[in-house]
Amino acid sequence: MSAVKISDLNIFVSMFLLLIFFSCSDKIADKNSDSKSEAITFIGFSEIGGELGYYKVIKVTKDSIHLETGKTSEKTHRQWHSAINPETWKNLISSFKIKNLDSIKSSPSIQPIDGIDESFQIKTSKKSHVYVNTHSDIHYNQFADFKLKLNRILPKEYQ
């Protein structure tokens, strides 16, 4: 075999390996940048059930809070709306770790036992997550923290 053919083969193999190396590192960088760009865009929280048909539905976006509550048996219904500032929104969403949202598990309905089901809906820029009765999940502290922060914002008559 001549020295020219071996040299050409070495150049070809080197170029091929470099091409593979750079294409793999670009994919890793893309994955890292995608996970950082995912952000929470909406949080919904509700408590529904009981013998009187109690309901409380709260919807939070980056600029507002909307609450509806009532009892169907008494035909009562109240609403409350409020604008929120960017610091309040950041404080509320800081309760949740986006990387944990996929691993949180719901539990079966407990309305026959205690009458109230608690549900959360969290929308991110990429996914929507819905959870029902997550009390027994290891990540429930995120939801409890969110509820505490939310109660500090709501008027006392709606808590």
C-alpha atoms as a PDB file:
ATOM      1  CA  MET A   1       0.000   0.000   0.000  1.00  0.00           C
ATOM      2  CA  SER A   2       1.327   3.398  -0.836  1.00  0.00           C
ATOM      3  CA  ALA A   3       1.892   6.190   1.684  1.00  0.00           C
ATOM      4  CA  VAL A   4      -0.579   8.424  -0.187  1.00  0.00           C
ATOM      5  CA  LYS A   5      -3.518   6.033   0.331  1.00  0.00           C
ATOM      6  CA  ILE A   6      -2.742   5.656   4.054  1.00  0.00           C
ATOM      7  CA  SER A   7      -2.502   9.426   4.437  1.00  0.00           C
ATOM      8  CA  ASP A   8      -5.850   9.908   2.647  1.00  0.00           C
ATOM      9  CA  LEU A   9      -7.443   7.276   4.880  1.00  0.00           C
ATOM     10  CA  ASN A  10      -6.099   8.977   8.039  1.00  0.00           C
ATOM     11  CA  ILE A  11      -7.507  12.345   6.929  1.00  0.00           C
ATOM     12  CA  PHE A  12     -10.880  10.805   6.105  1.00  0.00           C
ATOM     13  CA  VAL A  13     -11.111   8.985   9.473  1.00  0.00           C
ATOM     14  CA  SER A  14     -10.037  12.122  11.371  1.00  0.00           C
ATOM     15  CA  MET A  15     -12.647  14.251   9.605  1.00  0.00           C
ATOM     16  CA  PHE A  16     -15.326  11.629  10.250  1.00  0.00           C
ATOM     17  CA  LEU A  17     -14.516  11.460  13.975  1.00  0.00           C
ATOM     18  CA  LEU A  18     -14.504  15.252  14.290  1.00  0.00           C
ATOM     19  CA  LEU A  19     -17.866  15.444  12.563  1.00  0.00           C
ATOM     20  CA  ILE A  20     -19.347  12.913  15.003  1.00  0.00           C
ATOM     21  CA  PHE A  21     -17.830  14.711  17.988  1.00  0.00           C
ATOM     22  CA  PHE A  22     -19.253  18.106  17.041  1.00  0.00           C
ATOM     23  CA  SER A  23     -22.694  16.776  16.145  1.00  0.00           C
ATOM     24  CA  CYS A  24     -23.006  15.030  19.520  1.00  0.00           C
ATOM     25  CA  SER A  25     -21.898  18.040  21.526  1.00  0.00           C
ATOM     26  CA  ASP A  26     -24.442  20.262  19.721  1.00  0.00           C
ATOM     27  CA  LYS A  27     -27.281  17.943  20.704  1.00  0.00           C
ATOM     28  CA  ILE A  28     -26.220  18.007  24.346  1.00  0.00           C
ATOM     29  CA  ALA A  29     -26.061  21.800  24.307  1.00  0.00           C
ATOM     30  CA  ASP A  30     -29.524  21.959  22.704  1.00  0.00           C
ATOM     31  CA  LYS A  31     -31.013  19.738  25.420  1.00  0.00           C
ATOM     32  CA  ASN A  32     -29.513  21.888  28.169  1.00  0.00           C
ATOM     33  CA  SER A  33     -30.817  25.119  26.662  1.00  0.00           C
ATOM     34  CA  ASP A  34     -34.311  23.623  26.146  1.00  0.00           C
ATOM     35  CA  SER A  35     -34.679  22.594  29.788  1.00  0.00           C
ATOM     36  CA  LYS A  36     -33.717  26.055  30.972  1.00  0.00           C
ATOM     37  CA  SER A  37     -36.202  27.761  28.646  1.00  0.00           C
ATOM     38  CA  GLU A  38     -39.211  25.852  30.022  1.00  0.00           C
ATOM     39  CA  ALA A  39     -41.237  28.080  32.325  1.00  0.00           C
ATOM     40  CA  ILE A  40     -44.546  27.883  34.185  1.00  0.00           C
ATOM     41  CA  THR A  41     -47.281  29.862  32.423  1.00  0.00           C
ATOM     42  CA  PHE A  42     -50.422  28.912  34.393  1.00  0.00           C
ATOM     43  CA  ILE A  43     -51.377  27.358  37.733  1.00  0.00           C
ATOM     44  CA  GLY A  44     -54.863  26.130  38.522  1.00  0.00           C
ATOM     45  CA  PHE A  45     -55.942  24.942  41.968  1.00  0.00           C
ATOM     46  CA  SER A  46     -59.318  23.560  43.004  1.00  0.00           C
ATOM     47  CA  GLU A  47     -61.071  21.954  45.940  1.00  0.00           C
ATOM     48  CA  ILE A  48     -64.348  20.311  44.985  1.00  0.00           C
ATOM     49  CA  GLY A  49     -66.768  18.023  46.822  1.00  0.00           C
ATOM     50  CA  GLY A  50     -68.589  17.562  50.077  1.00  0.00           C
ATOM     51  CA  GLU A  51     -72.238  17.055  50.889  1.00  0.00           C
ATOM     52  CA  LEU A  52     -73.126  20.678  50.158  1.00  0.00           C
ATOM     53  CA  GLY A  53     -71.435  20.695  46.763  1.00  0.00           C
ATOM     54  CA  TYR A  54     -68.593  22.972  47.854  1.00  0.00           C
ATOM     55  CA  TYR A  55     -66.192  24.253  45.217  1.00  0.00           C
ATOM     56  CA  LYS A  56     -63.232  26.615  45.093  1.00  0.00           C
ATOM     57  CA  VAL A  57     -61.432  27.184  41.809  1.00  0.00           C
ATOM     58  CA  ILE A  58     -58.388  29.441  41.538  1.00  0.00           C
ATOM     59  CA  LYS A  59     -56.610  30.299  38.291  1.00  0.00           C
ATOM     60  CA  VAL A  60     -53.278  32.122  38.406  1.00  0.00           C
ATOM     61  CA  THR A  61     -51.422  33.584  35.441  1.00  0.00           C
ATOM     62  CA  LYS A  62     -48.381  35.846  35.362  1.00  0.00           C
ATOM     63  CA  ASP A  63     -50.569  38.947  35.645  1.00  0.00           C
ATOM     64  CA  SER A  64     -53.771  37.957  37.476  1.00  0.00           C
ATOM     65  CA  ILE A  65     -55.627  35.734  39.919  1.00  0.00           C
ATOM     66  CA  HIS A  66     -59.225  34.622  39.397  1.00  0.00           C
ATOM     67  CA  LEU A  67     -61.149  32.849  42.168  1.00  0.00           C
ATOM     68  CA  GLU A  68     -64.628  31.336  42.182  1.00  0.00           C
ATOM     69  CA  THR A  69     -66.190  29.688  45.205  1.00  0.00           C
ATOM     70  CA  GLY A  70     -69.593  28.536  46.345  1.00  0.00           C
ATOM     71  CA  LYS A  71     -71.954  25.789  47.416  1.00  0.00           C
ATOM     72  CA  THR A  72     -74.324  24.281  44.923  1.00  0.00           C
ATOM     73  CA  SER A  73     -76.811  23.149  47.603  1.00  0.00           C
ATOM     74  CA  GLU A  74     -77.247  26.748  48.779  1.00  0.00           C
ATOM     75  CA  LYS A  75     -76.965  28.171  45.260  1.00  0.00           C
ATOM     76  CA  THR A  76     -74.215  30.558  46.346  1.00  0.00           C
ATOM     77  CA  HIS A  77     -71.476  31.736  44.054  1.00  0.00           C
ATOM     78  CA  ARG A  78     -68.822  34.386  44.634  1.00  0.00           C
ATOM     79  CA  GLN A  79     -65.972  35.630  42.484  1.00  0.00           C
ATOM     80  CA  TRP A  80     -62.838  37.623  43.108  1.00  0.00           C
ATOM     81  CA  HIS A  81     -60.280  38.935  40.623  1.00  0.00           C
ATOM     82  CA  SER A  82     -57.008  40.724  41.157  1.00  0.00           C
ATOM     83  CA  ALA A  83     -54.000  41.786  39.171  1.00  0.00           C
ATOM     84  CA  ILE A  84     -50.615  40.646  40.439  1.00  0.00           C
ATOM     85  CA  ASN A  85     -47.165  42.080  39.888  1.00  0.00           C
ATOM     86  CA  PRO A  86     -44.173  40.176  38.459  1.00  0.00           C
ATOM     87  CA  GLU A  87     -42.590  39.681  41.914  1.00  0.00           C
ATOM     88  CA  THR A  88     -45.739  37.990  43.223  1.00  0.00           C
ATOM     89  CA  TRP A  89     -45.846  35.700  40.178  1.00  0.00           C
ATOM     90  CA  LYS A  90     -42.177  34.765  40.632  1.00  0.00           C
ATOM     91  CA  ASN A  91     -42.802  34.075  44.303  1.00  0.00           C
ATOM     92  CA  LEU A  92     -45.758  31.783  43.505  1.00  0.00           C
ATOM     93  CA  ILE A  93     -44.010  29.788  40.773  1.00  0.00           C
ATOM     94  CA  SER A  94     -40.868  29.434  42.886  1.00  0.00           C
ATOM     95  CA  SER A  95     -42.791  26.804  44.861  1.00  0.00           C
ATOM     96  CA  PHE A  96     -42.487  24.355  41.968  1.00  0.00           C
ATOM     97  CA  LYS A  97     -39.465  22.584  40.525  1.00  0.00           C
ATOM     98  CA  ILE A  98     -40.138  21.984  36.829  1.00  0.00           C
ATOM     99  CA  LYS A  99     -37.820  18.961  36.743  1.00  0.00           C
ATOM    100  CA  ASN A 100     -40.024  17.172  39.321  1.00  0.00           C
ATOM    101  CA  LEU A 101     -43.376  17.765  37.611  1.00  0.00           C
ATOM    102  CA  ASP A 102     -43.202  14.600  35.481  1.00  0.00           C
ATOM    103  CA  SER A 103     -42.566  12.353  38.487  1.00  0.00           C
ATOM    104  CA  ILE A 104     -45.467  13.545  40.687  1.00  0.00           C
ATOM    105  CA  LYS A 105     -48.258  10.982  41.029  1.00  0.00           C
ATOM    106  CA  SER A 106     -51.959  11.528  41.624  1.00  0.00           C
ATOM    107  CA  SER A 107     -54.041   9.423  44.013  1.00  0.00           C
ATOM    108  CA  PRO A 108     -57.606   8.141  43.624  1.00  0.00           C
ATOM    109  CA  SER A 109     -60.572  10.336  44.487  1.00  0.00           C
ATOM    110  CA  ILE A 110     -61.270  10.592  48.205  1.00  0.00           C
ATOM    111  CA  GLN A 111     -64.702  12.232  47.984  1.00  0.00           C
ATOM    112  CA  PRO A 112     -66.485   9.210  49.493  1.00  0.00           C
ATOM    113  CA  ILE A 113     -64.141   9.391  52.519  1.00  0.00           C
ATOM    114  CA  ASP A 114     -63.698  13.086  53.341  1.00  0.00           C
ATOM    115  CA  GLY A 115     -65.779  14.753  50.670  1.00  0.00           C
ATOM    116  CA  ILE A 116     -63.142  17.009  49.074  1.00  0.00           C
ATOM    117  CA  ASP A 117     -60.800  16.409  46.146  1.00  0.00           C
ATOM    118  CA  GLU A 118     -57.844  18.722  45.669  1.00  0.00           C
ATOM    119  CA  SER A 119     -56.492  19.193  42.169  1.00  0.00           C
ATOM    120  CA  PHE A 120     -53.717  21.201  40.547  1.00  0.00           C
ATOM    121  CA  GLN A 121     -53.095  22.048  36.931  1.00  0.00           C
ATOM    122  CA  ILE A 122     -49.678  23.379  35.993  1.00  0.00           C
ATOM    123  CA  LYS A 123     -48.957  24.482  32.449  1.00  0.00           C
ATOM    124  CA  THR A 124     -45.440  25.120  31.270  1.00  0.00           C
ATOM    125  CA  SER A 125     -44.245  26.417  27.938  1.00  0.00           C
ATOM    126  CA  LYS A 126     -43.912  22.777  26.827  1.00  0.00           C
ATOM    127  CA  LYS A 127     -46.386  20.615  28.777  1.00  0.00           C
ATOM    128  CA  SER A 128     -49.535  20.559  30.831  1.00  0.00           C
ATOM    129  CA  HIS A 129     -49.681  18.610  34.105  1.00  0.00           C
ATOM    130  CA  VAL A 130     -52.802  17.685  36.088  1.00  0.00           C
ATOM    131  CA  TYR A 131     -52.676  16.232  39.590  1.00  0.00           C
ATOM    132  CA  VAL A 132     -55.475  15.039  41.886  1.00  0.00           C
ATOM    133  CA  ASN A 133     -54.951  14.363  45.597  1.00  0.00           C
ATOM    134  CA  THR A 134     -51.163  14.343  45.621  1.00  0.00           C
ATOM    135  CA  HIS A 135     -51.014  14.408  49.435  1.00  0.00           C
ATOM    136  CA  SER A 136     -49.084  11.145  49.629  1.00  0.00           C
ATOM    137  CA  ASP A 137     -46.521  12.053  46.949  1.00  0.00           C
ATOM    138  CA  ILE A 138     -42.974  12.834  48.063  1.00  0.00           C
ATOM    139  CA  HIS A 139     -43.127  16.152  46.166  1.00  0.00           C
ATOM    140  CA  TYR A 140     -46.340  17.395  47.862  1.00  0.00           C
ATOM    141  CA  ASN A 141     -44.361  20.004  49.795  1.00  0.00           C
ATOM    142  CA  GLN A 142     -44.245  22.039  46.559  1.00  0.00           C
ATOM    143  CA  PHE A 143     -48.051  22.175  46.491  1.00  0.00           C
ATOM    144  CA  ALA A 144     -48.293  22.948  50.210  1.00  0.00           C
ATOM    145  CA  ASP A 145     -45.802  25.804  49.796  1.00  0.00           C
ATOM    146  CA  PHE A 146     -47.808  27.185  46.863  1.00  0.00           C
ATOM    147  CA  LYS A 147     -51.055  27.055  48.893  1.00  0.00           C
ATOM    148  CA  LEU A 148     -49.422  28.957  51.761  1.00  0.00           C
ATOM    149  CA  LYS A 149     -48.163  31.680  49.434  1.00  0.00           C
ATOM    150  CA  LEU A 150     -51.544  31.844  47.706  1.00  0.00           C
ATOM    151  CA  ASN A 151     -53.416  32.257  51.005  1.00  0.00           C
ATOM    152  CA  ARG A 152     -51.247  35.267  51.835  1.00  0.00           C
ATOM    153  CA  ILE A 153     -52.580  36.959  48.675  1.00  0.00           C
ATOM    154  CA  LEU A 154     -56.263  36.023  48.938  1.00  0.00           C
ATOM    155  CA  PRO A 155     -58.671  38.117  51.016  1.00  0.00           C
ATOM    156  CA  LYS A 156     -59.641  36.419  54.304  1.00  0.00           C
ATOM    157  CA  GLU A 157     -63.246  35.844  53.242  1.00  0.00           C
ATOM    158  CA  TYR A 158     -62.034  33.626  50.363  1.00  0.00           C
ATOM    159  CA  GLN A 159     -59.471  31.538  52.256  1.00  0.00           C
END
